[in-house]
């Protein structure tokens, strides 16, 4: 980090702040939420704050923060359980097992600020004072949506926070009257993509064939099957999906039916993703309302044309593009993919630089310091 960036953080408080970031996927998964929050935690630690991360995966010696590992049952092993209130998905079941052990490992008096994006169980655990004079300030990040902060139904009526980090303008507009909010996007490390070359052979992708890439969990909201059908309408185009989830069997069967010999599914560590992006000709993402979508910025950094659902939220990230469309209309989607393939991979989009992690971490630190100053004044 540049000295000027470190100074920005140092100037926002008289002493280092003690942060705790907690999420079951930390160090175990490289999904969007995990990548984003760990990047912020690492940048804060490198800038002088005392940062602890609690997750379920193995230690990563290169990280600047202090890491603590606790046990939880991974969501994939819980997919068979019923979806009921408070346990609405396998992710909620996973969150409950993580929160059970987090409650025993977490000492509220050791921290000034806690951060998570999981609701309800991890969130509720971090909100407790646990014998301290007061619970730490709690930041909830809308990585997985703003429904907990916005809804008063079922378990969501028990939501509270000291600060709401809104990852897009829509969330901030909807919640600013109710919570203290800050508009802070996700980000990337542009240097990870600099000078990286594609390697189709390493990923099992065909040479000399147009490749459309999706980086997505295989869950309903990501609409991967709809993307597959749109690509299937383009003869000779190969479709690659990097991700996993409950729909893996459905996706594999659909690929055998409509994309025989033209489909590849991968799961990769984060350090291999830049090379995968560079191995593609166009990027496709099908969510209708992504909370933010680190993948869009990664695609920009890789120089890929982007096909996604046209919305003010997405244009806020990627700018105006004629490859954005109404992805619920199959013919329009297929045409947009065709336009993107005609453009093909090029130079990194300069817009990606605006989402560099050091700047994002400065915004997190400023928001936390502002909340703490308000608490002291009160």
Protein backbone atom coordinates (compact mmCIF):
# COMPACT_ATOMS: atom_id res chain seq x y z
CA UNK A 1 0.00 0.00 0.00
CA UNK A 2 1.19 3.50 -0.79
CA UNK A 3 2.19 5.72 2.13
CA UNK A 4 -0.50 8.21 1.15
CA UNK A 5 -3.18 5.48 1.42
CA UNK A 6 -1.93 4.41 4.85
CA UNK A 7 -2.01 8.03 5.96
CA UNK A 8 -5.65 8.33 4.93
CA UNK A 9 -6.59 5.60 7.39
CA UNK A 10 -4.28 6.79 10.14
CA UNK A 11 -5.78 10.27 9.99
CA UNK A 12 -9.28 8.95 10.68
CA UNK A 13 -8.68 7.96 14.29
CA UNK A 14 -6.36 8.60 17.21
CA UNK A 15 -5.69 4.89 17.76
CA UNK A 16 -5.94 1.63 15.87
CA UNK A 17 -9.42 0.14 15.84
CA UNK A 18 -10.00 -3.47 16.80
CA UNK A 19 -12.04 -5.16 14.07
CA UNK A 20 -13.58 -8.63 13.98
CA UNK A 21 -14.73 -10.08 10.64
CA UNK A 22 -16.75 -13.31 10.96
CA UNK A 23 -18.15 -15.54 8.22
CA UNK A 24 -18.25 -19.34 7.90
CA UNK A 25 -16.79 -19.27 4.40
CA UNK A 26 -13.63 -17.38 5.37
CA UNK A 27 -10.54 -19.30 4.24
CA UNK A 28 -12.80 -22.16 3.12
CA UNK A 29 -14.41 -20.60 0.03
CA UNK A 30 -13.50 -17.96 -2.53
CA UNK A 31 -17.01 -16.69 -3.22
CA UNK A 32 -17.79 -13.02 -3.74
CA UNK A 33 -18.62 -12.15 -0.12
CA UNK A 34 -15.61 -13.99 1.27
CA UNK A 35 -13.21 -12.43 -1.24
CA UNK A 36 -14.58 -8.93 -0.62
CA UNK A 37 -14.59 -8.91 3.18
CA UNK A 38 -11.21 -10.64 3.50
CA UNK A 39 -9.69 -8.07 1.16
CA UNK A 40 -11.02 -5.26 3.33
CA UNK A 41 -9.79 -6.99 6.49
CA UNK A 42 -6.33 -7.47 5.02
CA UNK A 43 -6.05 -3.85 3.90
CA UNK A 44 -7.17 -2.55 7.31
CA UNK A 45 -4.58 -4.73 9.05
CA UNK A 46 -1.82 -3.55 6.72
CA UNK A 47 -2.78 0.03 7.52
CA UNK A 48 -2.33 -0.32 11.26
CA UNK A 49 -5.65 -1.50 12.67
CA UNK A 50 -5.93 -4.65 14.79
CA UNK A 51 -7.97 -7.06 12.71
CA UNK A 52 -9.15 -10.54 13.63
CA UNK A 53 -10.87 -12.85 11.16
CA UNK A 54 -12.85 -15.93 12.24
CA UNK A 55 -13.72 -18.56 9.66
CA UNK A 56 -13.67 -22.30 9.06
CA UNK A 57 -10.86 -22.79 6.55
CA UNK A 58 -7.11 -23.27 7.05
CA UNK A 59 -4.70 -20.50 7.91
CA UNK A 60 -3.30 -18.31 5.12
CA UNK A 61 0.16 -17.23 6.24
CA UNK A 62 0.36 -14.29 3.82
CA UNK A 63 -2.64 -12.54 5.40
CA UNK A 64 -1.89 -9.48 7.53
CA UNK A 65 -4.76 -10.04 9.97
CA UNK A 66 -4.95 -12.48 12.89
CA UNK A 67 -6.91 -15.57 11.93
CA UNK A 68 -8.88 -17.94 14.16
CA UNK A 69 -10.41 -21.14 12.87
CA UNK A 70 -13.59 -22.64 14.30
CA UNK A 71 -15.76 -25.54 13.20
CA UNK A 72 -18.96 -25.49 11.16
CA UNK A 73 -20.80 -27.87 8.85
CA UNK A 74 -20.45 -26.76 5.23
CA UNK A 75 -23.61 -25.85 3.32
CA UNK A 76 -23.12 -28.56 0.72
CA UNK A 77 -23.56 -31.23 3.40
CA UNK A 78 -26.77 -29.53 4.56
CA UNK A 79 -28.61 -29.24 1.25
CA UNK A 80 -30.95 -32.10 2.20
CA UNK A 81 -32.37 -30.33 5.25
CA UNK A 82 -35.83 -28.69 5.09
CA UNK A 83 -36.17 -25.00 4.29
CA UNK A 84 -38.24 -23.48 7.08
CA UNK A 85 -38.43 -20.06 8.80
CA UNK A 86 -35.07 -19.08 10.31
CA UNK A 87 -33.53 -21.94 8.28
CA UNK A 88 -34.56 -20.88 4.81
CA UNK A 89 -31.66 -22.44 2.92
CA UNK A 90 -28.60 -24.58 3.36
CA UNK A 91 -26.64 -21.36 3.96
CA UNK A 92 -28.79 -20.57 7.02
CA UNK A 93 -28.21 -24.08 8.39
CA UNK A 94 -24.45 -23.61 7.85
CA UNK A 95 -24.63 -20.20 9.52
CA UNK A 96 -26.32 -21.72 12.58
CA UNK A 97 -23.57 -24.31 13.05
CA UNK A 98 -20.92 -21.61 12.67
CA UNK A 99 -22.64 -19.24 15.11
CA UNK A 100 -22.87 -21.98 17.72
CA UNK A 101 -19.07 -22.23 17.84
CA UNK A 102 -18.55 -18.51 17.28
CA UNK A 103 -20.48 -17.78 20.46
CA UNK A 104 -17.89 -19.71 22.46
CA UNK A 105 -14.89 -18.14 20.67
CA UNK A 106 -16.10 -14.54 20.56
CA UNK A 107 -15.24 -12.11 23.38
CA UNK A 108 -17.07 -8.82 22.73
CA UNK A 109 -14.79 -6.81 25.02
CA UNK A 110 -11.85 -7.56 22.71
CA UNK A 111 -13.26 -5.57 19.79
CA UNK A 112 -14.44 -2.11 18.81
CA UNK A 113 -16.18 -3.09 15.55
CA UNK A 114 -17.64 -6.34 14.24
CA UNK A 115 -18.42 -7.03 10.58
CA UNK A 116 -20.44 -9.72 8.81
CA UNK A 117 -22.89 -10.17 5.96
CA UNK A 118 -24.60 -13.32 7.30
CA UNK A 119 -28.07 -13.16 8.80
CA UNK A 120 -29.50 -14.29 11.12
CA UNK A 121 -27.25 -16.43 13.33
CA UNK A 122 -23.77 -14.94 12.93
CA UNK A 123 -25.30 -11.47 13.04
CA UNK A 124 -27.16 -12.17 16.27
CA UNK A 125 -24.06 -13.65 17.88
CA UNK A 126 -22.00 -10.55 17.10
CA UNK A 127 -24.69 -8.25 18.49
CA UNK A 128 -24.44 -9.66 22.02
CA UNK A 129 -22.48 -7.86 24.72
CA UNK A 130 -21.53 -11.10 26.46
CA UNK A 131 -20.51 -9.56 29.77
CA UNK A 132 -18.87 -6.49 28.28
CA UNK A 133 -20.16 -3.06 29.29
CA UNK A 134 -21.55 -2.74 25.76
CA UNK A 135 -21.45 -4.72 22.54
CA UNK A 136 -18.97 -3.52 19.90
CA UNK A 137 -20.24 -1.39 17.06
CA UNK A 138 -21.69 -3.70 14.45
CA UNK A 139 -21.42 -3.19 10.69
CA UNK A 140 -23.70 -5.27 8.51
CA UNK A 141 -22.68 -5.49 4.87
CA UNK A 142 -25.30 -6.05 2.17
CA UNK A 143 -23.18 -8.56 0.25
CA UNK A 144 -26.11 -10.97 0.09
CA UNK A 145 -28.86 -8.37 -0.21
CA UNK A 146 -30.49 -5.78 2.02
CA UNK A 147 -33.61 -7.77 2.93
CA UNK A 148 -32.64 -8.22 6.61
CA UNK A 149 -32.30 -4.44 7.00
CA UNK A 150 -35.40 -3.64 4.97
CA UNK A 151 -38.00 -6.24 5.96
CA UNK A 152 -40.02 -6.42 9.16
CA UNK A 153 -41.26 -9.95 8.51
CA UNK A 154 -40.41 -13.20 10.31
CA UNK A 155 -36.84 -13.32 11.67
CA UNK A 156 -35.93 -10.12 9.83
CA UNK A 157 -37.85 -8.02 12.35
CA UNK A 158 -35.08 -8.81 14.84
CA UNK A 159 -32.39 -7.17 12.72
CA UNK A 160 -30.40 -4.23 14.06
CA UNK A 161 -27.03 -2.69 13.35
CA UNK A 162 -24.98 0.40 14.12
CA UNK A 163 -23.96 0.91 10.52
CA UNK A 164 -25.20 -0.54 7.24
CA UNK A 165 -22.64 -0.84 4.44
CA UNK A 166 -24.66 -0.58 1.23
CA UNK A 167 -22.94 -2.12 -1.77
CA UNK A 168 -25.04 -0.25 -4.34
CA UNK A 169 -27.03 2.99 -4.54
CA UNK A 170 -30.42 1.23 -4.53
CA UNK A 171 -29.75 -0.30 -1.13
CA UNK A 172 -28.62 3.00 0.33
CA UNK A 173 -31.66 4.86 -0.96
CA UNK A 174 -33.98 2.23 0.47
CA UNK A 175 -32.36 2.12 3.92
CA UNK A 176 -30.87 5.53 4.65
CA UNK A 177 -33.88 6.76 6.62
CA UNK A 178 -33.81 3.79 8.96
CA UNK A 179 -30.09 3.07 9.49
CA UNK A 180 -26.79 4.89 9.44
CA UNK A 181 -25.57 3.97 5.97
CA UNK A 182 -22.48 4.25 3.82
CA UNK A 183 -22.35 3.53 0.08
CA UNK A 184 -19.24 1.38 -0.33
CA UNK A 185 -18.84 -0.90 -3.35
CA UNK A 186 -16.85 -4.09 -3.52
CA UNK A 187 -13.51 -4.09 -5.24
CA UNK A 188 -10.61 -6.01 -6.71
CA UNK A 189 -6.84 -5.98 -6.86
CA UNK A 190 -6.20 -4.84 -10.45
CA UNK A 191 -2.57 -5.96 -10.17
CA UNK A 192 -3.75 -9.60 -10.07
CA UNK A 193 -4.82 -9.27 -13.69
CA UNK A 194 -1.86 -7.27 -15.00
CA UNK A 195 0.19 -9.25 -17.49
CA UNK A 196 -1.80 -12.47 -16.96
CA UNK A 197 -2.19 -14.68 -20.03
CA UNK A 198 -4.99 -17.10 -20.75
CA UNK A 199 -4.33 -20.83 -20.53
CA UNK A 200 -7.18 -22.74 -22.16
CA UNK A 201 -5.36 -26.06 -22.08
CA UNK A 202 -5.03 -25.88 -18.29
CA UNK A 203 -8.78 -25.36 -17.92
CA UNK A 204 -9.86 -27.90 -20.52
CA UNK A 205 -11.22 -25.22 -22.85
CA UNK A 206 -11.05 -25.64 -26.63
CA UNK A 207 -8.60 -23.61 -28.68
CA UNK A 208 -9.89 -21.60 -31.64
CA UNK A 209 -13.47 -21.60 -30.32
CA UNK A 210 -15.39 -18.64 -28.87
CA UNK A 211 -15.76 -19.08 -25.11
CA UNK A 212 -18.43 -17.43 -22.93
CA UNK A 213 -17.63 -17.45 -19.22
CA UNK A 214 -19.90 -17.33 -16.19
CA UNK A 215 -18.50 -17.11 -12.65
CA UNK A 216 -21.45 -17.97 -10.48
CA UNK A 217 -22.85 -20.09 -7.69
CA UNK A 218 -25.22 -22.74 -9.03
CA UNK A 219 -28.33 -21.46 -7.27
CA UNK A 220 -31.72 -20.33 -8.54
CA UNK A 221 -31.11 -16.58 -8.38
CA UNK A 222 -28.03 -16.81 -10.61
CA UNK A 223 -30.13 -18.22 -13.50
CA UNK A 224 -27.30 -20.31 -14.94
CA UNK A 225 -29.65 -22.60 -16.93
CA UNK A 226 -31.13 -19.55 -18.70
CA UNK A 227 -27.63 -18.48 -19.69
CA UNK A 228 -26.90 -21.98 -20.98
CA UNK A 229 -29.97 -21.92 -23.19
CA UNK A 230 -28.96 -18.55 -24.66
CA UNK A 231 -25.46 -19.79 -25.49
CA UNK A 232 -26.84 -23.04 -26.92
CA UNK A 233 -28.56 -20.95 -29.60
CA UNK A 234 -25.13 -19.82 -30.88
CA UNK A 235 -23.59 -22.69 -32.87
CA UNK A 236 -19.95 -23.39 -32.18
CA UNK A 237 -19.78 -21.32 -28.97
CA UNK A 238 -18.39 -22.98 -25.83
CA UNK A 239 -19.86 -22.21 -22.40
CA UNK A 240 -17.74 -22.33 -19.23
CA UNK A 241 -19.08 -21.96 -15.69
CA UNK A 242 -16.84 -21.52 -12.65
CA UNK A 243 -18.87 -22.32 -9.57
CA UNK A 244 -20.74 -24.89 -7.52
CA UNK A 245 -24.05 -25.18 -5.70
CA UNK A 246 -27.25 -27.19 -5.25
CA UNK A 247 -28.15 -27.03 -8.96
CA UNK A 248 -24.94 -28.77 -10.09
CA UNK A 249 -26.73 -31.96 -11.20
CA UNK A 250 -29.43 -30.02 -13.06
CA UNK A 251 -26.78 -27.91 -14.78
CA UNK A 252 -24.73 -30.95 -15.80
CA UNK A 253 -27.80 -32.70 -17.20
CA UNK A 254 -28.93 -29.63 -19.12
CA UNK A 255 -25.43 -29.26 -20.57
CA UNK A 256 -25.55 -32.86 -21.80
CA UNK A 257 -28.91 -32.15 -23.44
CA UNK A 258 -28.33 -28.78 -25.11
CA UNK A 259 -24.56 -28.16 -25.05
CA UNK A 260 -22.98 -31.57 -25.77
CA UNK A 261 -19.24 -31.11 -26.14
CA UNK A 262 -19.62 -27.35 -25.60
CA UNK A 263 -19.71 -27.08 -21.81
CA UNK A 264 -17.12 -26.98 -19.04
CA UNK A 265 -17.73 -26.57 -15.30
CA UNK A 266 -14.84 -25.74 -12.99
CA UNK A 267 -14.16 -24.92 -9.37
CA UNK A 268 -10.93 -22.99 -8.91
CA UNK A 269 -8.97 -21.23 -6.17
CA UNK A 270 -8.92 -17.44 -6.32
CA UNK A 271 -5.36 -17.26 -7.61
CA UNK A 272 -6.35 -19.12 -10.80
CA UNK A 273 -9.31 -16.91 -11.65
CA UNK A 274 -7.44 -14.15 -13.54
CA UNK A 275 -6.05 -16.73 -15.98
CA UNK A 276 -9.54 -18.20 -16.45
CA UNK A 277 -11.01 -14.78 -17.25
CA UNK A 278 -8.18 -14.21 -19.73
CA UNK A 279 -9.03 -17.53 -21.38
CA UNK A 280 -12.52 -16.35 -22.34
CA UNK A 281 -13.87 -14.08 -25.07
CA UNK A 282 -16.95 -12.73 -23.27
CA UNK A 283 -18.41 -12.64 -19.77
CA UNK A 284 -22.01 -13.43 -18.89
CA UNK A 285 -23.83 -12.91 -15.59
CA UNK A 286 -27.53 -13.60 -15.25
CA UNK A 287 -28.66 -12.31 -11.83
CA UNK A 288 -31.46 -9.82 -12.17
CA UNK A 289 -30.41 -7.78 -9.13
CA UNK A 290 -26.92 -8.61 -7.89
CA UNK A 291 -26.02 -6.88 -4.61
CA UNK A 292 -22.81 -5.76 -6.24
CA UNK A 293 -21.01 -8.48 -8.13
CA UNK A 294 -17.22 -8.51 -7.81
CA UNK A 295 -17.27 -10.60 -10.97
CA UNK A 296 -18.24 -7.60 -13.07
CA UNK A 297 -15.18 -5.65 -11.94
CA UNK A 298 -12.99 -8.72 -12.41
CA UNK A 299 -14.28 -9.06 -15.96
CA UNK A 300 -13.50 -5.38 -16.57
CA UNK A 301 -9.97 -5.86 -15.26
CA UNK A 302 -9.58 -8.83 -17.63
CA UNK A 303 -10.74 -6.78 -20.60
CA UNK A 304 -13.86 -8.87 -21.28
CA UNK A 305 -17.07 -7.49 -22.80
CA UNK A 306 -19.88 -7.96 -20.28
CA UNK A 307 -23.38 -9.28 -20.86
CA UNK A 308 -25.74 -8.72 -17.96
CA UNK A 309 -29.25 -7.63 -17.03
CA UNK A 310 -29.63 -3.98 -17.90
CA UNK A 311 -30.26 -1.89 -14.79
CA UNK A 312 -29.14 1.39 -13.28
CA UNK A 313 -27.32 -0.64 -10.62
CA UNK A 314 -25.22 -2.52 -13.16
CA UNK A 315 -24.54 0.59 -15.24
CA UNK A 316 -23.27 2.24 -12.04
CA UNK A 317 -20.54 -0.41 -12.02
CA UNK A 318 -19.76 -1.10 -15.67
CA UNK A 319 -20.96 2.04 -17.44
CA UNK A 320 -23.12 2.23 -20.54
CA UNK A 321 -22.73 -0.82 -22.80
CA UNK A 322 -24.78 -2.10 -25.70
CA UNK A 323 -24.16 -5.65 -24.46
CA UNK A 324 -26.49 -5.07 -21.49
CA UNK A 325 -30.01 -6.25 -22.19
CA UNK A 326 -33.23 -7.66 -20.75
CA UNK A 327 -31.83 -11.09 -19.94
CA UNK A 328 -35.36 -12.48 -19.41
CA UNK A 329 -35.90 -12.23 -23.18
CA UNK A 330 -34.08 -15.15 -24.76
CA UNK A 331 -33.60 -13.72 -28.23
CA UNK A 332 -32.31 -10.39 -26.89
CA UNK A 333 -29.91 -12.23 -24.60
CA UNK A 334 -28.54 -14.42 -27.38
CA UNK A 335 -28.08 -11.35 -29.58
CA UNK A 336 -26.23 -9.52 -26.79
CA UNK A 337 -23.89 -12.50 -26.31
CA UNK A 338 -23.23 -12.45 -30.04
CA UNK A 339 -22.36 -8.75 -29.90
CA UNK A 340 -20.02 -9.37 -26.98
CA UNK A 341 -18.23 -12.18 -28.82
CA UNK A 342 -17.81 -9.89 -31.83
CA UNK A 343 -16.05 -7.38 -29.55
CA UNK A 344 -13.92 -10.05 -27.87
CA UNK A 345 -11.27 -9.68 -25.21
CA UNK A 346 -9.35 -6.41 -25.17
CA UNK A 347 -7.48 -4.15 -22.80
CA UNK A 348 -8.45 -3.77 -19.15
CA UNK A 349 -11.28 -1.29 -18.61
CA UNK A 350 -9.90 1.78 -16.75
CA UNK A 351 -13.10 1.84 -14.65
CA UNK A 352 -11.77 -1.16 -12.74
CA UNK A 353 -9.11 1.03 -11.10
CA UNK A 354 -11.81 2.94 -9.21
CA UNK A 355 -12.65 -0.25 -7.31
CA UNK A 356 -9.16 -1.03 -5.95
CA UNK A 357 -9.23 -2.51 -2.44
CA UNK A 358 -7.07 0.11 -0.69
CA UNK A 359 -9.62 2.80 -1.48
CA UNK A 360 -12.51 0.55 -0.44
CA UNK A 361 -10.80 -0.16 2.91
CA UNK A 362 -10.35 3.57 3.51
CA UNK A 363 -14.10 3.98 3.16
CA UNK A 364 -14.82 1.17 5.64
CA UNK A 365 -12.39 2.71 8.13
CA UNK A 366 -13.89 6.17 7.72
CA UNK A 367 -17.41 4.84 8.31
CA UNK A 368 -16.36 2.94 11.44
CA UNK A 369 -14.48 5.95 12.81
CA UNK A 370 -17.50 8.19 12.14
CA UNK A 371 -19.81 5.82 14.01
CA UNK A 372 -17.41 5.57 16.94
CA UNK A 373 -17.09 9.34 17.13
CA UNK A 374 -20.88 9.64 17.22
CA UNK A 375 -21.09 7.03 19.96
CA UNK A 376 -18.51 8.89 22.05
CA UNK A 377 -20.29 12.20 21.56
CA UNK A 378 -23.57 10.64 22.68
